Amino acid sequence: MILHEIYVKEKGPCLSLTGIVECTEGKTKELFFEYPAKFRDFINVSADAFFPVLLIPAMKTGEDLMIKPQLSESLLRQSCFIQDIFTNWFPDTFRRVDISCENLHANQGSTGKSAQFFSLGVDSFYTLLKNKENNIRYIIYMQGLELPLSRYKYQQEEGVMNGIAKVEKHYNVELIHGKTNIRDHYDLDWPKYYHGAGLAATAISLAKGFDNIYIPSSHSYGSHIPIGSSFMLDHYWSTEHLKVVHDGAERGRSYKISEVVMKDAFALNHLRVCTENDGGDYNCCRCRKCITTMLTLDILGILDTCEAFPYKNLKGQVPKITPQNLSSYALAKDLYCLAIEHKRTELAKKIEKELLIGRHDLYGRKELSIGLRKYILGFIKYLWMKTFRGS
């Protein structure tokens, strides 16, 4: 895989930072990050922004990576740690690749400005409210990350943009609304593999404008799970000029609501957490993320007054939290702990039941796949060894 050139081109009222990539089979791809022209001086015209979004796919296909334009010396050096992490987390999916670069740079500078990614979710509001004193004066919303850019065909983002415009005015911050086509070209599992790389690439594309850009955490330090955006990973995408900050891992999502977000009525009433709205601004009140958030609000006694969730019925909805992967399991465990703290015993029992089922989904099914008889014999052997340990 070769990144041949990068350049900036004008597209009406916007500027596009564009990279030309040649794949092993000889095909070329044109990747871009597009922003309003008023942010011209923020755009980092180098290979840096394209490096994260190329490295992860290259590791997945096993292609060596060649970067011809200027690349950050720090990024190249830290890529060895990124490769170590991915090949340890996902040894059956990723492998180390060689990276060559013809032209390194180590530019440094300071702007005194900070920004954060923002999507109207719990993590976004938590980072914004928590860092009021940390000079976050810009919020970044990027179409083409949450969903591939090609999915935005029906102006469904208009509602989201209206909501973010209200945030911009209410908190006196400035919005940077950009677009990128990286997910249209690289169809990797977004939350599991590509989340951090996509956000970091966007941050680096704006590196001339900021000293720090914050990525709101999805999980707490206690979760410690392999996932695309992690406190163990994101900071390695930093350059000499820009610090990529993974923010908010000191709290799980339910506790972000209980300790910070619920205290701000505007944030609470403008939450958008839904995964089933295809990029729209509403909460369906039926999907896993909606139900998990609504249960949190119910435990805290504020669901009935929260305007972000118009349908309040939670009867029989607990099974929808479906903790069947490490990420959803961690979020459900946070919810369980919150229910225990608030003495919602019956609800805690229902969540605990889902956690037990989820544990089987995570581990038991894999074991059963080797065959029921072999699994049972293995379990009997385990009990025998444990009973007579040390004898």
Protein backbone atom coordinates (compact mmCIF):
# COMPACT_ATOMS: atom_id res chain seq x y z
CA MET A 1 0.00 0.00 0.00
CA ILE A 2 1.49 3.35 -1.07
CA LEU A 3 0.47 6.89 -0.18
CA HIS A 4 1.74 8.73 -3.26
CA GLU A 5 0.76 12.34 -2.69
CA ILE A 6 -1.37 14.70 -0.64
CA TYR A 7 -2.77 18.07 -1.63
CA VAL A 8 -5.48 20.58 -0.76
CA LYS A 9 -8.15 21.40 -3.29
CA GLU A 10 -11.09 23.78 -3.17
CA LYS A 11 -14.63 22.42 -3.48
CA GLY A 12 -16.94 25.42 -3.51
CA PRO A 13 -17.01 26.89 0.01
CA CYS A 14 -14.92 23.99 1.35
CA LEU A 15 -11.34 22.77 1.31
CA SER A 16 -10.43 19.13 0.91
CA LEU A 17 -7.22 17.57 2.23
CA THR A 18 -6.78 14.73 -0.25
CA GLY A 19 -4.49 11.71 -0.39
CA ILE A 20 -3.87 9.38 -3.34
CA VAL A 21 -3.36 5.77 -2.25
CA GLU A 22 -2.23 2.85 -4.42
CA CYS A 23 -3.28 -0.63 -3.29
CA THR A 24 -1.38 -3.84 -3.91
CA GLU A 25 -3.57 -4.79 -6.86
CA GLY A 26 -2.69 -1.50 -8.57
CA LYS A 27 -5.98 0.29 -7.94
CA THR A 28 -5.90 3.86 -6.59
CA LYS A 29 -8.12 5.42 -3.96
CA GLU A 30 -8.73 9.10 -3.28
CA LEU A 31 -9.25 9.72 0.44
CA PHE A 32 -10.26 13.12 1.76
CA PHE A 33 -10.99 15.23 4.83
CA GLU A 34 -13.21 18.17 3.93
CA TYR A 35 -13.78 21.35 5.99
CA PRO A 36 -15.26 24.83 5.55
CA ALA A 37 -12.72 27.18 3.96
CA LYS A 38 -12.59 29.39 7.08
CA PHE A 39 -10.55 26.63 8.76
CA ARG A 40 -7.89 26.78 6.04
CA ASP A 41 -5.11 27.64 8.52
CA PHE A 42 -5.99 24.62 10.70
CA ILE A 43 -5.35 22.04 7.97
CA ASN A 44 -2.18 19.99 8.39
CA VAL A 45 -0.87 19.47 4.85
CA SER A 46 1.24 16.35 5.37
CA ALA A 47 0.85 12.59 5.27
CA ASP A 48 0.14 12.54 9.02
CA ALA A 49 -3.67 12.46 8.80
CA PHE A 50 -3.68 9.53 6.36
CA PHE A 51 -1.25 7.41 8.35
CA PRO A 52 -3.73 6.07 10.99
CA VAL A 53 -6.42 5.21 8.44
CA LEU A 54 -3.93 3.33 6.26
CA LEU A 55 -1.94 1.54 8.96
CA ILE A 56 -4.86 -0.45 10.41
CA PRO A 57 -6.13 -1.76 7.01
CA ALA A 58 -2.53 -2.52 5.98
CA MET A 59 -2.06 -4.62 9.12
CA LYS A 60 -5.31 -6.46 8.40
CA THR A 61 -4.34 -7.38 4.83
CA GLY A 62 -0.64 -7.82 5.66
CA GLU A 63 0.47 -5.19 3.13
CA ASP A 64 3.64 -3.20 3.80
CA LEU A 65 3.06 0.54 3.89
CA MET A 66 5.05 3.15 1.98
CA ILE A 67 4.55 6.87 2.71
CA LYS A 68 6.03 9.20 0.09
CA PRO A 69 4.96 12.67 1.39
CA GLN A 70 6.25 14.14 4.65
CA LEU A 71 5.32 12.14 7.77
CA SER A 72 5.65 12.98 11.46
CA GLU A 73 8.72 11.41 13.01
CA SER A 74 6.74 10.81 16.23
CA LEU A 75 3.95 8.98 14.40
CA LEU A 76 6.40 6.70 12.66
CA ARG A 77 8.24 5.96 15.90
CA GLN A 78 5.06 5.31 17.89
CA SER A 79 3.58 3.07 15.20
CA CYS A 80 5.63 0.19 16.59
CA PHE A 81 3.62 0.40 19.84
CA ILE A 82 0.35 0.59 17.89
CA GLN A 83 1.32 -2.53 15.96
CA ASP A 84 2.30 -4.27 19.20
CA ILE A 85 -1.12 -3.49 20.69
CA PHE A 86 -3.18 -4.65 17.71
CA THR A 87 -1.20 -7.83 17.15
CA ASN A 88 -1.54 -8.73 20.84
CA TRP A 89 -5.23 -7.85 21.06
CA PHE A 90 -6.25 -9.46 17.77
CA PRO A 91 -3.53 -11.97 16.79
CA ASP A 92 -5.80 -13.79 14.33
CA THR A 93 -6.78 -10.58 12.52
CA PHE A 94 -3.73 -8.30 12.37
CA ARG A 95 -0.03 -8.80 11.72
CA ARG A 96 2.95 -6.49 11.76
CA VAL A 97 3.90 -4.73 8.54
CA ASP A 98 6.98 -2.82 7.42
CA ILE A 99 6.63 0.95 7.08
CA SER A 100 8.92 3.02 4.89
CA CYS A 101 8.94 6.78 4.59
CA GLU A 102 11.04 8.96 2.32
CA ASN A 103 10.60 12.24 4.16
CA LEU A 104 10.21 12.77 7.91
CA HIS A 105 9.35 16.01 9.69
CA ALA A 106 9.20 17.04 13.34
CA ASN A 107 7.47 20.42 13.29
CA GLN A 108 6.46 21.81 16.67
CA GLY A 109 4.48 24.83 17.74
CA SER A 110 1.73 26.04 20.06
CA THR A 111 -1.68 27.58 19.41
CA GLY A 112 -3.11 27.51 22.94
CA LYS A 113 -6.32 26.00 21.53
CA SER A 114 -8.12 22.75 22.30
CA ALA A 115 -11.03 20.91 20.71
CA GLN A 116 -13.04 17.75 21.24
CA PHE A 117 -15.07 15.36 19.14
CA PHE A 118 -18.79 15.77 19.71
CA SER A 119 -21.80 13.70 18.66
CA LEU A 120 -24.53 14.57 21.23
CA GLY A 121 -23.81 11.32 23.12
CA VAL A 122 -23.21 10.80 26.84
CA ASP A 123 -19.43 10.59 26.43
CA SER A 124 -19.36 13.80 24.35
CA PHE A 125 -21.37 15.83 26.87
CA TYR A 126 -19.32 14.46 29.78
CA THR A 127 -16.03 15.56 28.21
CA LEU A 128 -17.46 18.98 27.31
CA LEU A 129 -18.88 19.64 30.79
CA LYS A 130 -15.90 18.20 32.65
CA ASN A 131 -13.35 20.27 30.72
CA LYS A 132 -14.98 23.69 30.96
CA GLU A 133 -11.77 25.13 32.37
CA ASN A 134 -9.44 23.42 29.86
CA ASN A 135 -9.95 25.91 27.04
CA ILE A 136 -12.07 23.66 24.81
CA ARG A 137 -13.48 26.27 22.47
CA TYR A 138 -14.14 24.04 19.45
CA ILE A 139 -16.24 20.91 18.90
CA ILE A 140 -15.71 18.62 15.91
CA TYR A 141 -18.47 16.67 14.18
CA MET A 142 -17.34 14.54 11.27
CA GLN A 143 -19.71 12.93 8.79
CA GLY A 144 -18.30 9.68 7.46
CA LEU A 145 -17.07 8.32 10.79
CA GLU A 146 -20.16 7.12 12.64
CA LEU A 147 -21.50 5.89 9.28
CA PRO A 148 -19.83 5.72 5.87
CA LEU A 149 -20.34 9.00 4.00
CA SER A 150 -22.26 7.20 1.25
CA ARG A 151 -25.03 6.41 3.76
CA TYR A 152 -25.94 10.09 4.10
CA LYS A 153 -28.29 10.26 1.12
CA TYR A 154 -31.47 11.51 2.71
CA GLN A 155 -30.32 14.59 4.65
CA GLN A 156 -30.80 12.61 7.85
CA GLU A 157 -27.90 14.53 9.38
CA GLU A 158 -29.88 17.79 9.40
CA GLY A 159 -31.47 17.00 12.75
CA VAL A 160 -28.09 16.19 14.27
CA MET A 161 -26.62 19.40 12.91
CA ASN A 162 -29.52 21.40 14.35
CA GLY A 163 -28.89 19.79 17.73
CA ILE A 164 -25.17 20.48 17.60
CA ALA A 165 -25.88 24.08 16.54
CA LYS A 166 -27.88 24.48 19.77
CA VAL A 167 -24.92 23.07 21.72
CA GLU A 168 -22.60 25.50 19.92
CA LYS A 169 -24.73 28.45 20.98
CA HIS A 170 -25.54 27.27 24.51
CA TYR A 171 -21.95 26.52 25.53
CA ASN A 172 -20.31 29.26 23.44
CA VAL A 173 -18.12 26.91 21.42
CA GLU A 174 -17.40 26.86 17.68
CA LEU A 175 -18.36 23.90 15.53
CA ILE A 176 -16.05 22.37 12.93
CA HIS A 177 -18.31 20.29 10.68
CA GLY A 178 -16.28 18.12 8.33
CA LYS A 179 -16.70 15.16 6.02
CA THR A 180 -14.50 12.18 5.17
CA ASN A 181 -14.83 9.16 2.90
CA ILE A 182 -12.39 6.86 4.72
CA ARG A 183 -15.07 4.35 5.78
CA ASP A 184 -16.37 4.06 2.23
CA HIS A 185 -12.96 2.71 1.24
CA TYR A 186 -12.04 0.71 4.35
CA ASP A 187 -14.87 -1.41 5.70
CA LEU A 188 -13.41 -2.44 9.06
CA ASP A 189 -15.44 -3.04 12.22
CA TRP A 190 -15.73 0.56 13.41
CA PRO A 191 -15.99 0.23 17.23
CA LYS A 192 -13.74 -2.81 17.48
CA TYR A 193 -10.84 -1.83 15.22
CA TYR A 194 -11.14 1.55 13.50
CA HIS A 195 -12.79 3.99 15.91
CA GLY A 196 -9.62 5.47 17.41
CA ALA A 197 -7.72 5.56 14.12
CA GLY A 198 -10.56 7.40 12.36
CA LEU A 199 -10.92 10.01 15.10
CA ALA A 200 -7.15 10.43 15.42
CA ALA A 201 -6.78 10.89 11.65
CA THR A 202 -9.43 13.61 11.72
CA ALA A 203 -7.72 15.29 14.68
CA ILE A 204 -4.33 15.21 12.94
CA SER A 205 -5.84 16.69 9.76
CA LEU A 206 -6.62 19.80 11.87
CA ALA A 207 -3.33 19.77 13.78
CA LYS A 208 -2.22 23.26 12.69
CA GLY A 209 -5.11 24.72 14.70
CA PHE A 210 -4.76 22.97 18.05
CA ASP A 211 -2.44 21.81 20.80
CA ASN A 212 -4.90 19.21 22.18
CA ILE A 213 -7.86 17.35 20.72
CA TYR A 214 -9.96 15.23 23.09
CA ILE A 215 -11.48 11.86 22.16
CA PRO A 216 -14.31 11.08 24.63
CA SER A 217 -13.86 7.60 26.10
CA SER A 218 -16.40 4.85 25.51
CA HIS A 219 -15.30 2.81 28.54
CA SER A 220 -13.65 3.20 31.91
CA TYR A 221 -10.18 2.13 33.00
CA GLY A 222 -11.88 -0.75 34.83
CA SER A 223 -13.18 -2.25 31.60
CA HIS A 224 -9.69 -2.71 30.13
CA ILE A 225 -10.98 -4.26 26.91
CA PRO A 226 -9.45 -4.40 23.42
CA ILE A 227 -11.31 -1.81 21.39
CA GLY A 228 -10.53 0.67 18.61
CA SER A 229 -10.47 3.75 20.87
CA SER A 230 -8.83 3.04 24.22
CA PHE A 231 -6.85 4.77 26.97
CA MET A 232 -4.11 2.25 26.14
CA LEU A 233 -3.99 3.24 22.49
CA ASP A 234 -5.20 6.72 21.50
CA HIS A 235 -2.27 8.77 22.81
CA TYR A 236 0.11 6.92 20.47
CA TRP A 237 -1.52 8.77 17.56
CA SER A 238 -0.14 12.10 18.86
CA THR A 239 2.38 14.09 16.83
CA GLU A 240 5.08 16.58 17.82
CA HIS A 241 2.53 19.37 17.43
CA LEU A 242 -0.76 17.78 18.50
CA LYS A 243 -1.59 15.81 21.64
CA VAL A 244 -4.43 13.33 21.14
CA VAL A 245 -6.14 13.00 24.53
CA HIS A 246 -8.31 10.01 25.46
CA ASP A 247 -10.66 11.63 27.98
CA GLY A 248 -13.19 10.40 30.54
CA ALA A 249 -12.01 6.85 31.28
CA GLU A 250 -12.19 7.57 34.99
CA ARG A 251 -15.95 6.88 34.81
CA GLY A 252 -18.17 4.32 33.12
CA ARG A 253 -21.05 5.63 31.02
CA SER A 254 -23.80 5.21 33.64
CA TYR A 255 -21.66 7.11 36.14
CA LYS A 256 -20.95 9.86 33.62
CA ILE A 257 -24.68 10.48 33.60
CA SER A 258 -25.16 10.23 37.37
CA GLU A 259 -22.19 12.39 38.35
CA VAL A 260 -22.05 15.04 35.61
CA VAL A 261 -24.54 14.95 32.75
CA MET A 262 -27.74 14.74 34.83
CA LYS A 263 -26.75 17.98 36.59
CA ASP A 264 -27.00 19.91 33.31
CA ALA A 265 -30.60 20.06 32.08
CA PHE A 266 -29.60 21.17 28.58
CA ALA A 267 -27.24 18.23 28.11
CA LEU A 268 -29.75 15.77 29.50
CA ASN A 269 -32.52 16.92 27.16
CA HIS A 270 -30.30 16.93 24.05
CA LEU A 271 -28.76 13.47 24.40
CA ARG A 272 -28.58 11.38 21.22
CA VAL A 273 -27.41 7.82 21.83
CA CYS A 274 -29.37 5.74 19.30
CA THR A 275 -27.65 3.27 16.97
CA GLU A 276 -30.76 2.45 14.95
CA ASN A 277 -31.56 5.86 13.44
CA ASP A 278 -29.12 5.64 10.49
CA GLY A 279 -27.43 8.90 11.37
CA GLY A 280 -30.60 10.77 12.41
CA ASP A 281 -31.08 12.82 15.56
CA TYR A 282 -33.85 10.91 17.35
CA ASN A 283 -33.63 8.18 19.98
CA CYS A 284 -35.75 5.17 19.01
CA CYS A 285 -36.19 4.14 22.70
CA ARG A 286 -35.98 0.46 21.67
CA CYS A 287 -32.35 -0.37 20.75
CA ARG A 288 -29.64 -1.54 23.14
CA LYS A 289 -28.02 1.86 23.64
CA CYS A 290 -31.34 3.63 24.12
CA ILE A 291 -32.58 1.05 26.66
CA THR A 292 -29.28 1.07 28.59
CA THR A 293 -29.37 4.88 28.81
CA MET A 294 -33.07 4.94 29.72
CA LEU A 295 -32.50 2.38 32.49
CA THR A 296 -29.75 4.61 33.88
CA LEU A 297 -32.09 7.59 33.87
CA ASP A 298 -34.83 5.47 35.48
CA ILE A 299 -32.48 4.39 38.28
CA LEU A 300 -31.66 8.07 38.86
CA GLY A 301 -35.37 8.98 38.88
CA ILE A 302 -35.18 11.40 35.94
CA LEU A 303 -36.42 9.40 32.95
CA ASP A 304 -39.95 10.84 33.11
CA THR A 305 -38.67 14.40 32.76
CA CYS A 306 -35.98 13.73 30.13
CA GLU A 307 -37.14 15.11 26.78
CA ALA A 308 -34.53 13.16 24.80
CA PHE A 309 -36.49 9.90 25.20
CA PRO A 310 -40.14 10.41 24.23
CA TYR A 311 -41.25 6.81 24.88
CA LYS A 312 -40.78 5.90 28.54
CA ASN A 313 -42.01 2.29 28.68
CA LEU A 314 -39.30 -0.02 30.08
CA LYS A 315 -41.52 -2.97 30.91
CA GLY A 316 -39.85 -6.15 29.68
CA GLN A 317 -36.99 -4.16 28.06
CA VAL A 318 -34.04 -5.25 30.24
CA PRO A 319 -33.11 -8.21 27.94
CA LYS A 320 -32.37 -5.67 25.20
CA ILE A 321 -29.16 -4.58 26.94
CA THR A 322 -27.71 -7.82 25.45
CA PRO A 323 -24.20 -7.95 27.01
CA GLN A 324 -22.95 -10.39 24.38
CA ASN A 325 -19.59 -8.76 23.65
CA LEU A 326 -16.91 -7.24 25.87
CA SER A 327 -18.08 -3.68 25.18
CA SER A 328 -21.78 -4.15 25.91
CA TYR A 329 -20.90 -6.38 28.89
CA ALA A 330 -18.83 -3.57 30.44
CA LEU A 331 -21.68 -1.08 29.97
CA ALA A 332 -24.22 -3.49 31.48
CA LYS A 333 -21.93 -4.08 34.47
CA ASP A 334 -21.79 -0.31 35.09
CA LEU A 335 -25.59 -0.27 34.99
CA TYR A 336 -25.78 -3.16 37.46
CA CYS A 337 -23.45 -1.40 39.92
CA LEU A 338 -25.52 1.79 39.69
CA ALA A 339 -28.74 -0.15 40.38
CA ILE A 340 -27.14 -1.74 43.47
CA GLU A 341 -25.97 1.66 44.76
CA HIS A 342 -29.45 3.11 44.39
CA LYS A 343 -31.05 0.06 46.04
CA ARG A 344 -33.01 -0.94 42.93
CA THR A 345 -32.79 -4.58 43.95
CA GLU A 346 -35.33 -6.08 41.55
CA LEU A 347 -33.86 -4.26 38.57
CA ALA A 348 -30.34 -5.27 39.65
CA LYS A 349 -31.43 -8.94 39.67
CA LYS A 350 -32.76 -8.63 36.11
CA ILE A 351 -29.53 -7.01 34.94
CA GLU A 352 -27.48 -9.64 36.75
CA LYS A 353 -29.43 -12.35 34.89
CA GLU A 354 -28.49 -10.69 31.58
CA LEU A 355 -24.86 -10.51 32.69
CA LEU A 356 -24.86 -14.26 33.41
CA ILE A 357 -26.33 -14.96 29.98
CA GLY A 358 -23.81 -12.55 28.45
CA ARG A 359 -20.96 -14.36 30.16
CA HIS A 360 -22.08 -17.55 28.45
CA ASP A 361 -22.34 -15.73 25.12
CA LEU A 362 -18.80 -14.45 25.58
CA TYR A 363 -17.12 -17.63 26.77
CA GLY A 364 -19.45 -20.63 26.97
CA ARG A 365 -20.52 -20.78 23.35
CA LYS A 366 -16.90 -20.79 22.25
CA GLU A 367 -16.21 -23.73 24.52
CA LEU A 368 -19.34 -25.60 23.44
CA SER A 369 -18.28 -25.24 19.83
CA ILE A 370 -15.64 -27.93 20.46
CA GLY A 371 -18.44 -30.40 21.11
CA LEU A 372 -20.79 -30.97 24.05
CA ARG A 373 -19.26 -34.30 25.13
CA LYS A 374 -15.73 -32.90 25.06
CA TYR A 375 -16.87 -29.80 26.94
CA ILE A 376 -18.56 -31.84 29.70
CA LEU A 377 -15.55 -34.15 30.07
CA GLY A 378 -13.29 -31.11 30.26
CA PHE A 379 -15.49 -29.59 32.96
CA ILE A 380 -15.43 -32.85 34.99
CA LYS A 381 -11.64 -32.90 34.70
CA TYR A 382 -11.55 -29.28 35.91
CA LEU A 383 -13.65 -30.16 39.01
CA TRP A 384 -11.43 -33.20 39.76
CA MET A 385 -8.21 -31.18 39.54
CA LYS A 386 -9.63 -28.36 41.65
CA THR A 387 -10.92 -30.78 44.34
CA PHE A 388 -7.65 -32.68 44.68
CA ARG A 389 -5.30 -29.73 44.12
CA GLY A 390 -2.15 -30.13 46.19
CA SER A 391 -2.84 -33.69 47.24
